Amino acid sequence: MKLYRQIRERNPNAKLVMHMHNAFEPELPDNDAKIIVPSQFLKAFYEERLPAAAVSIVPNGFCAETYKRNPQNNLHQQLNIAEDATVLLYAGRISPDKGILLLLQAFKKLRTLKSNIKLVVVGDPYASRKGEKAEYQKKVLDAAKEIGTDCIMAGGNLLTRCITSII
């Protein structure tokens, strides 16, 4: 935000696009700002606070060729996943701003198009004991249960093993 303000002060008419990865409020940008965010949660956050802003979602991407399996640390076997299965991995907080419910909904649709696919969610679904985040975590657990064995809620302790299995 500091850089945004500096640019705006030097050139008040500059056409700027902000790329926001967090729900950040201390000094919001101009009301009619153009903002790119990676999730529906952040889109709603900024649209609520800046109704005149143009907010677009551009999901984070990655290069699949970068990630190769390490045969010495076979998570497929540890998690009882077939070797030829396609595995989607989410590792992070189970929190509304991360969009896990949207991921689970998308995975349900993807299963209708592709068989032999698993979703592994690494993160503690019990991290929050009360409040909005705890309610969200319960919804995530319920949605995962509805998907069944194709969605593996691996908890928070699996993170290190997941990372070392692809390194």
C-alpha atoms as a PDB file:
ATOM      1  CA  MET A   1       0.000   0.000   0.000  1.00  0.00           C
ATOM      2  CA  LYS A   2       2.908   2.322   0.698  1.00  0.00           C
ATOM      3  CA  LEU A   3       4.185   2.028  -2.882  1.00  0.00           C
ATOM      4  CA  TYR A   4       0.650   2.536  -4.228  1.00  0.00           C
ATOM      5  CA  ARG A   5       0.300   5.769  -2.225  1.00  0.00           C
ATOM      6  CA  GLN A   6       3.732   7.020  -3.374  1.00  0.00           C
ATOM      7  CA  ILE A   7       2.872   6.422  -7.030  1.00  0.00           C
ATOM      8  CA  ARG A   8      -0.544   8.024  -6.596  1.00  0.00           C
ATOM      9  CA  GLU A   9       1.008  11.128  -4.952  1.00  0.00           C
ATOM     10  CA  ARG A  10       3.531  11.582  -7.769  1.00  0.00           C
ATOM     11  CA  ASN A  11       1.076  10.874 -10.556  1.00  0.00           C
ATOM     12  CA  PRO A  12      -2.551  11.275  -9.467  1.00  0.00           C
ATOM     13  CA  ASN A  13      -3.838  10.304 -12.925  1.00  0.00           C
ATOM     14  CA  ALA A  14      -1.767   7.123 -13.304  1.00  0.00           C
ATOM     15  CA  LYS A  15      -3.765   4.051 -14.250  1.00  0.00           C
ATOM     16  CA  LEU A  16      -2.855   1.479 -11.611  1.00  0.00           C
ATOM     17  CA  VAL A  17      -3.844  -2.123 -11.045  1.00  0.00           C
ATOM     18  CA  MET A  18      -3.241  -3.590  -7.603  1.00  0.00           C
ATOM     19  CA  HIS A  19      -2.558  -7.288  -7.055  1.00  0.00           C
ATOM     20  CA  MET A  20      -3.773  -8.077  -3.529  1.00  0.00           C
ATOM     21  CA  HIS A  21      -3.157 -11.375  -1.748  1.00  0.00           C
ATOM     22  CA  ASN A  22      -4.506 -10.370   1.653  1.00  0.00           C
ATOM     23  CA  ALA A  23      -7.576  -8.752   3.160  1.00  0.00           C
ATOM     24  CA  PHE A  24      -5.790  -5.478   3.852  1.00  0.00           C
ATOM     25  CA  GLU A  25      -7.676  -2.504   5.210  1.00  0.00           C
ATOM     26  CA  PRO A  26      -5.505   0.112   6.956  1.00  0.00           C
ATOM     27  CA  GLU A  27      -5.277   2.486   3.960  1.00  0.00           C
ATOM     28  CA  LEU A  28      -7.531   1.233   1.216  1.00  0.00           C
ATOM     29  CA  PRO A  29      -6.784   2.350  -2.338  1.00  0.00           C
ATOM     30  CA  ASP A  30      -8.957   4.761  -4.300  1.00  0.00           C
ATOM     31  CA  ASN A  31     -12.654   3.874  -4.423  1.00  0.00           C
ATOM     32  CA  ASP A  32     -12.502   3.219  -8.170  1.00  0.00           C
ATOM     33  CA  ALA A  33      -9.294   1.160  -8.044  1.00  0.00           C
ATOM     34  CA  LYS A  34      -8.607  -1.787 -10.306  1.00  0.00           C
ATOM     35  CA  ILE A  35      -7.695  -4.805  -8.189  1.00  0.00           C
ATOM     36  CA  ILE A  36      -6.626  -8.367  -9.017  1.00  0.00           C
ATOM     37  CA  VAL A  37      -7.105 -11.025  -6.323  1.00  0.00           C
ATOM     38  CA  PRO A  38      -6.550 -14.820  -6.264  1.00  0.00           C
ATOM     39  CA  SER A  39      -9.826 -15.854  -4.568  1.00  0.00           C
ATOM     40  CA  GLN A  40     -13.562 -15.260  -4.366  1.00  0.00           C
ATOM     41  CA  PHE A  41     -13.121 -14.427  -0.664  1.00  0.00           C
ATOM     42  CA  LEU A  42     -10.814 -11.483  -1.431  1.00  0.00           C
ATOM     43  CA  LYS A  43     -13.024 -10.362  -4.321  1.00  0.00           C
ATOM     44  CA  ALA A  44     -15.997 -10.119  -1.943  1.00  0.00           C
ATOM     45  CA  PHE A  45     -13.820  -8.427   0.708  1.00  0.00           C
ATOM     46  CA  TYR A  46     -12.750  -5.617  -1.622  1.00  0.00           C
ATOM     47  CA  GLU A  47     -16.112  -5.254  -3.384  1.00  0.00           C
ATOM     48  CA  GLU A  48     -17.772  -4.727   0.000  1.00  0.00           C
ATOM     49  CA  ARG A  49     -15.296  -2.022   1.007  1.00  0.00           C
ATOM     50  CA  LEU A  50     -14.814  -0.433  -2.430  1.00  0.00           C
ATOM     51  CA  PRO A  51     -18.105  -0.774  -4.341  1.00  0.00           C
ATOM     52  CA  ALA A  52     -16.832   1.305  -7.288  1.00  0.00           C
ATOM     53  CA  ALA A  53     -13.650  -0.763  -7.685  1.00  0.00           C
ATOM     54  CA  ALA A  54     -13.190  -3.207 -10.552  1.00  0.00           C
ATOM     55  CA  VAL A  55     -12.132  -6.435  -8.838  1.00  0.00           C
ATOM     56  CA  SER A  56     -11.107  -9.484 -10.881  1.00  0.00           C
ATOM     57  CA  ILE A  57     -10.000 -12.960  -9.858  1.00  0.00           C
ATOM     58  CA  VAL A  58      -6.809 -14.385 -11.340  1.00  0.00           C
ATOM     59  CA  PRO A  59      -6.027 -17.676  -9.566  1.00  0.00           C
ATOM     60  CA  ASN A  60      -2.450 -18.516  -8.634  1.00  0.00           C
ATOM     61  CA  GLY A  61      -0.802 -20.862 -11.091  1.00  0.00           C
ATOM     62  CA  PHE A  62       2.111 -23.262 -11.091  1.00  0.00           C
ATOM     63  CA  CYS A  63       4.264 -25.234 -13.498  1.00  0.00           C
ATOM     64  CA  ALA A  64       3.497 -28.955 -13.193  1.00  0.00           C
ATOM     65  CA  GLU A  65       6.852 -29.867 -14.763  1.00  0.00           C
ATOM     66  CA  THR A  66       8.634 -28.388 -11.740  1.00  0.00           C
ATOM     67  CA  TYR A  67       7.211 -30.984  -9.368  1.00  0.00           C
ATOM     68  CA  LYS A  68       8.470 -34.540  -9.662  1.00  0.00           C
ATOM     69  CA  ARG A  69       7.759 -37.392  -7.255  1.00  0.00           C
ATOM     70  CA  ASN A  70      10.504 -38.600  -4.924  1.00  0.00           C
ATOM     71  CA  PRO A  71      10.337 -42.431  -4.947  1.00  0.00           C
ATOM     72  CA  GLN A  72      11.968 -42.679  -1.494  1.00  0.00           C
ATOM     73  CA  ASN A  73       9.028 -40.934   0.173  1.00  0.00           C
ATOM     74  CA  ASN A  74       5.944 -42.497  -1.380  1.00  0.00           C
ATOM     75  CA  LEU A  75       2.897 -40.650  -0.093  1.00  0.00           C
ATOM     76  CA  HIS A  76       0.698 -42.519  -2.557  1.00  0.00           C
ATOM     77  CA  GLN A  77       1.388 -45.671  -0.596  1.00  0.00           C
ATOM     78  CA  GLN A  78       1.126 -43.991   2.821  1.00  0.00           C
ATOM     79  CA  LEU A  79      -2.272 -42.493   1.942  1.00  0.00           C
ATOM     80  CA  ASN A  80      -3.508 -45.608   0.124  1.00  0.00           C
ATOM     81  CA  ILE A  81      -3.711 -43.861  -3.252  1.00  0.00           C
ATOM     82  CA  ALA A  82      -3.226 -45.854  -6.450  1.00  0.00           C
ATOM     83  CA  GLU A  83       0.110 -45.157  -8.151  1.00  0.00           C
ATOM     84  CA  ASP A  84      -1.613 -44.158 -11.394  1.00  0.00           C
ATOM     85  CA  ALA A  85      -4.078 -41.784  -9.700  1.00  0.00           C
ATOM     86  CA  THR A  86      -4.007 -38.080 -10.408  1.00  0.00           C
ATOM     87  CA  VAL A  87      -3.520 -36.249  -7.112  1.00  0.00           C
ATOM     88  CA  LEU A  88      -4.431 -32.629  -6.456  1.00  0.00           C
ATOM     89  CA  LEU A  89      -2.797 -31.217  -3.318  1.00  0.00           C
ATOM     90  CA  TYR A  90      -3.825 -28.250  -1.204  1.00  0.00           C
ATOM     91  CA  ALA A  91      -1.488 -27.359   1.661  1.00  0.00           C
ATOM     92  CA  GLY A  92      -2.356 -24.383   3.837  1.00  0.00           C
ATOM     93  CA  ARG A  93      -4.737 -22.950   6.394  1.00  0.00           C
ATOM     94  CA  ILE A  94      -8.322 -24.160   6.415  1.00  0.00           C
ATOM     95  CA  SER A  95      -9.680 -20.639   6.414  1.00  0.00           C
ATOM     96  CA  PRO A  96     -12.392 -18.748   4.475  1.00  0.00           C
ATOM     97  CA  ASP A  97      -9.843 -16.526   2.738  1.00  0.00           C
ATOM     98  CA  LYS A  98      -8.158 -19.582   1.197  1.00  0.00           C
ATOM     99  CA  GLY A  99     -11.291 -20.735  -0.657  1.00  0.00           C
ATOM    100  CA  ILE A 100     -11.216 -24.423   0.323  1.00  0.00           C
ATOM    101  CA  LEU A 101     -14.996 -24.796  -0.060  1.00  0.00           C
ATOM    102  CA  LEU A 102     -14.698 -23.532  -3.636  1.00  0.00           C
ATOM    103  CA  LEU A 103     -11.883 -26.034  -4.218  1.00  0.00           C
ATOM    104  CA  LEU A 104     -14.065 -28.875  -2.908  1.00  0.00           C
ATOM    105  CA  GLN A 105     -16.957 -27.791  -5.155  1.00  0.00           C
ATOM    106  CA  ALA A 106     -14.638 -27.651  -8.172  1.00  0.00           C
ATOM    107  CA  PHE A 107     -13.221 -31.070  -7.299  1.00  0.00           C
ATOM    108  CA  LYS A 108     -16.726 -32.560  -7.185  1.00  0.00           C
ATOM    109  CA  LYS A 109     -17.301 -31.284 -10.733  1.00  0.00           C
ATOM    110  CA  LEU A 110     -13.894 -32.478 -11.894  1.00  0.00           C
ATOM    111  CA  ARG A 111     -14.656 -36.017 -10.678  1.00  0.00           C
ATOM    112  CA  THR A 112     -17.548 -36.172 -13.146  1.00  0.00           C
ATOM    113  CA  LEU A 113     -15.061 -35.530 -15.975  1.00  0.00           C
ATOM    114  CA  LYS A 114     -12.079 -37.543 -14.778  1.00  0.00           C
ATOM    115  CA  SER A 115     -11.896 -40.826 -12.913  1.00  0.00           C
ATOM    116  CA  ASN A 116      -9.059 -42.031 -10.689  1.00  0.00           C
ATOM    117  CA  ILE A 117      -8.481 -38.613  -9.143  1.00  0.00           C
ATOM    118  CA  LYS A 118      -7.858 -37.716  -5.490  1.00  0.00           C
ATOM    119  CA  LEU A 119      -7.774 -34.465  -3.561  1.00  0.00           C
ATOM    120  CA  VAL A 120      -5.417 -34.320  -0.579  1.00  0.00           C
ATOM    121  CA  VAL A 121      -6.027 -31.409   1.804  1.00  0.00           C
ATOM    122  CA  VAL A 122      -3.142 -30.731   4.178  1.00  0.00           C
ATOM    123  CA  GLY A 123      -4.015 -28.336   6.976  1.00  0.00           C
ATOM    124  CA  ASP A 124      -5.545 -28.512  10.431  1.00  0.00           C
ATOM    125  CA  PRO A 125      -9.354 -28.504  10.091  1.00  0.00           C
ATOM    126  CA  TYR A 126      -9.639 -28.092  13.869  1.00  0.00           C
ATOM    127  CA  ALA A 127      -7.277 -25.114  14.252  1.00  0.00           C
ATOM    128  CA  SER A 128     -10.075 -22.768  15.335  1.00  0.00           C
ATOM    129  CA  ARG A 129     -12.174 -23.742  18.322  1.00  0.00           C
ATOM    130  CA  LYS A 130     -14.942 -21.163  17.976  1.00  0.00           C
ATOM    131  CA  GLY A 131     -16.241 -18.362  15.820  1.00  0.00           C
ATOM    132  CA  GLU A 132     -16.518 -17.859  12.075  1.00  0.00           C
ATOM    133  CA  LYS A 133     -13.357 -19.806  11.210  1.00  0.00           C
ATOM    134  CA  ALA A 134     -14.470 -22.806  13.284  1.00  0.00           C
ATOM    135  CA  GLU A 135     -17.849 -22.784  11.505  1.00  0.00           C
ATOM    136  CA  TYR A 136     -16.065 -22.620   8.148  1.00  0.00           C
ATOM    137  CA  GLN A 137     -13.802 -25.520   9.095  1.00  0.00           C
ATOM    138  CA  LYS A 138     -16.881 -27.580   9.991  1.00  0.00           C
ATOM    139  CA  LYS A 139     -18.378 -26.815   6.551  1.00  0.00           C
ATOM    140  CA  VAL A 140     -15.117 -27.929   4.918  1.00  0.00           C
ATOM    141  CA  LEU A 141     -15.140 -31.199   6.873  1.00  0.00           C
ATOM    142  CA  ASP A 142     -18.789 -31.802   5.936  1.00  0.00           C
ATOM    143  CA  ALA A 143     -18.086 -31.117   2.243  1.00  0.00           C
ATOM    144  CA  ALA A 144     -15.058 -33.435   2.311  1.00  0.00           C
ATOM    145  CA  LYS A 145     -17.122 -36.161   3.965  1.00  0.00           C
ATOM    146  CA  GLU A 146     -19.757 -35.774   1.236  1.00  0.00           C
ATOM    147  CA  ILE A 147     -17.074 -36.327  -1.430  1.00  0.00           C
ATOM    148  CA  GLY A 148     -15.956 -39.490   0.343  1.00  0.00           C
ATOM    149  CA  THR A 149     -12.709 -41.395  -0.119  1.00  0.00           C
ATOM    150  CA  ASP A 150     -11.617 -39.291  -3.100  1.00  0.00           C
ATOM    151  CA  CYS A 151     -10.969 -36.403  -0.687  1.00  0.00           C
ATOM    152  CA  ILE A 152      -8.316 -37.075   1.933  1.00  0.00           C
ATOM    153  CA  MET A 153      -8.254 -34.642   4.838  1.00  0.00           C
ATOM    154  CA  ALA A 154      -4.660 -35.303   5.887  1.00  0.00           C
ATOM    155  CA  GLY A 155      -4.464 -32.869   8.816  1.00  0.00           C
ATOM    156  CA  GLY A 156      -1.611 -30.538   9.632  1.00  0.00           C
ATOM    157  CA  ASN A 157       1.105 -33.059  10.510  1.00  0.00           C
ATOM    158  CA  LEU A 158       1.432 -34.348   6.964  1.00  0.00           C
ATOM    159  CA  LEU A 159       2.825 -31.083   5.583  1.00  0.00           C
ATOM    160  CA  THR A 160       6.496 -31.977   6.003  1.00  0.00           C
ATOM    161  CA  ARG A 161       5.999 -35.386   4.397  1.00  0.00           C
ATOM    162  CA  CYS A 162       4.111 -33.791   1.482  1.00  0.00           C
ATOM    163  CA  ILE A 163       6.875 -31.306   0.826  1.00  0.00           C
ATOM    164  CA  THR A 164       9.646 -33.901   0.980  1.00  0.00           C
ATOM    165  CA  SER A 165       7.724 -36.245  -1.309  1.00  0.00           C
ATOM    166  CA  ILE A 166       7.931 -33.776  -4.201  1.00  0.00           C
ATOM    167  CA  ILE A 167      11.450 -32.477  -3.586  1.00  0.00           C
END
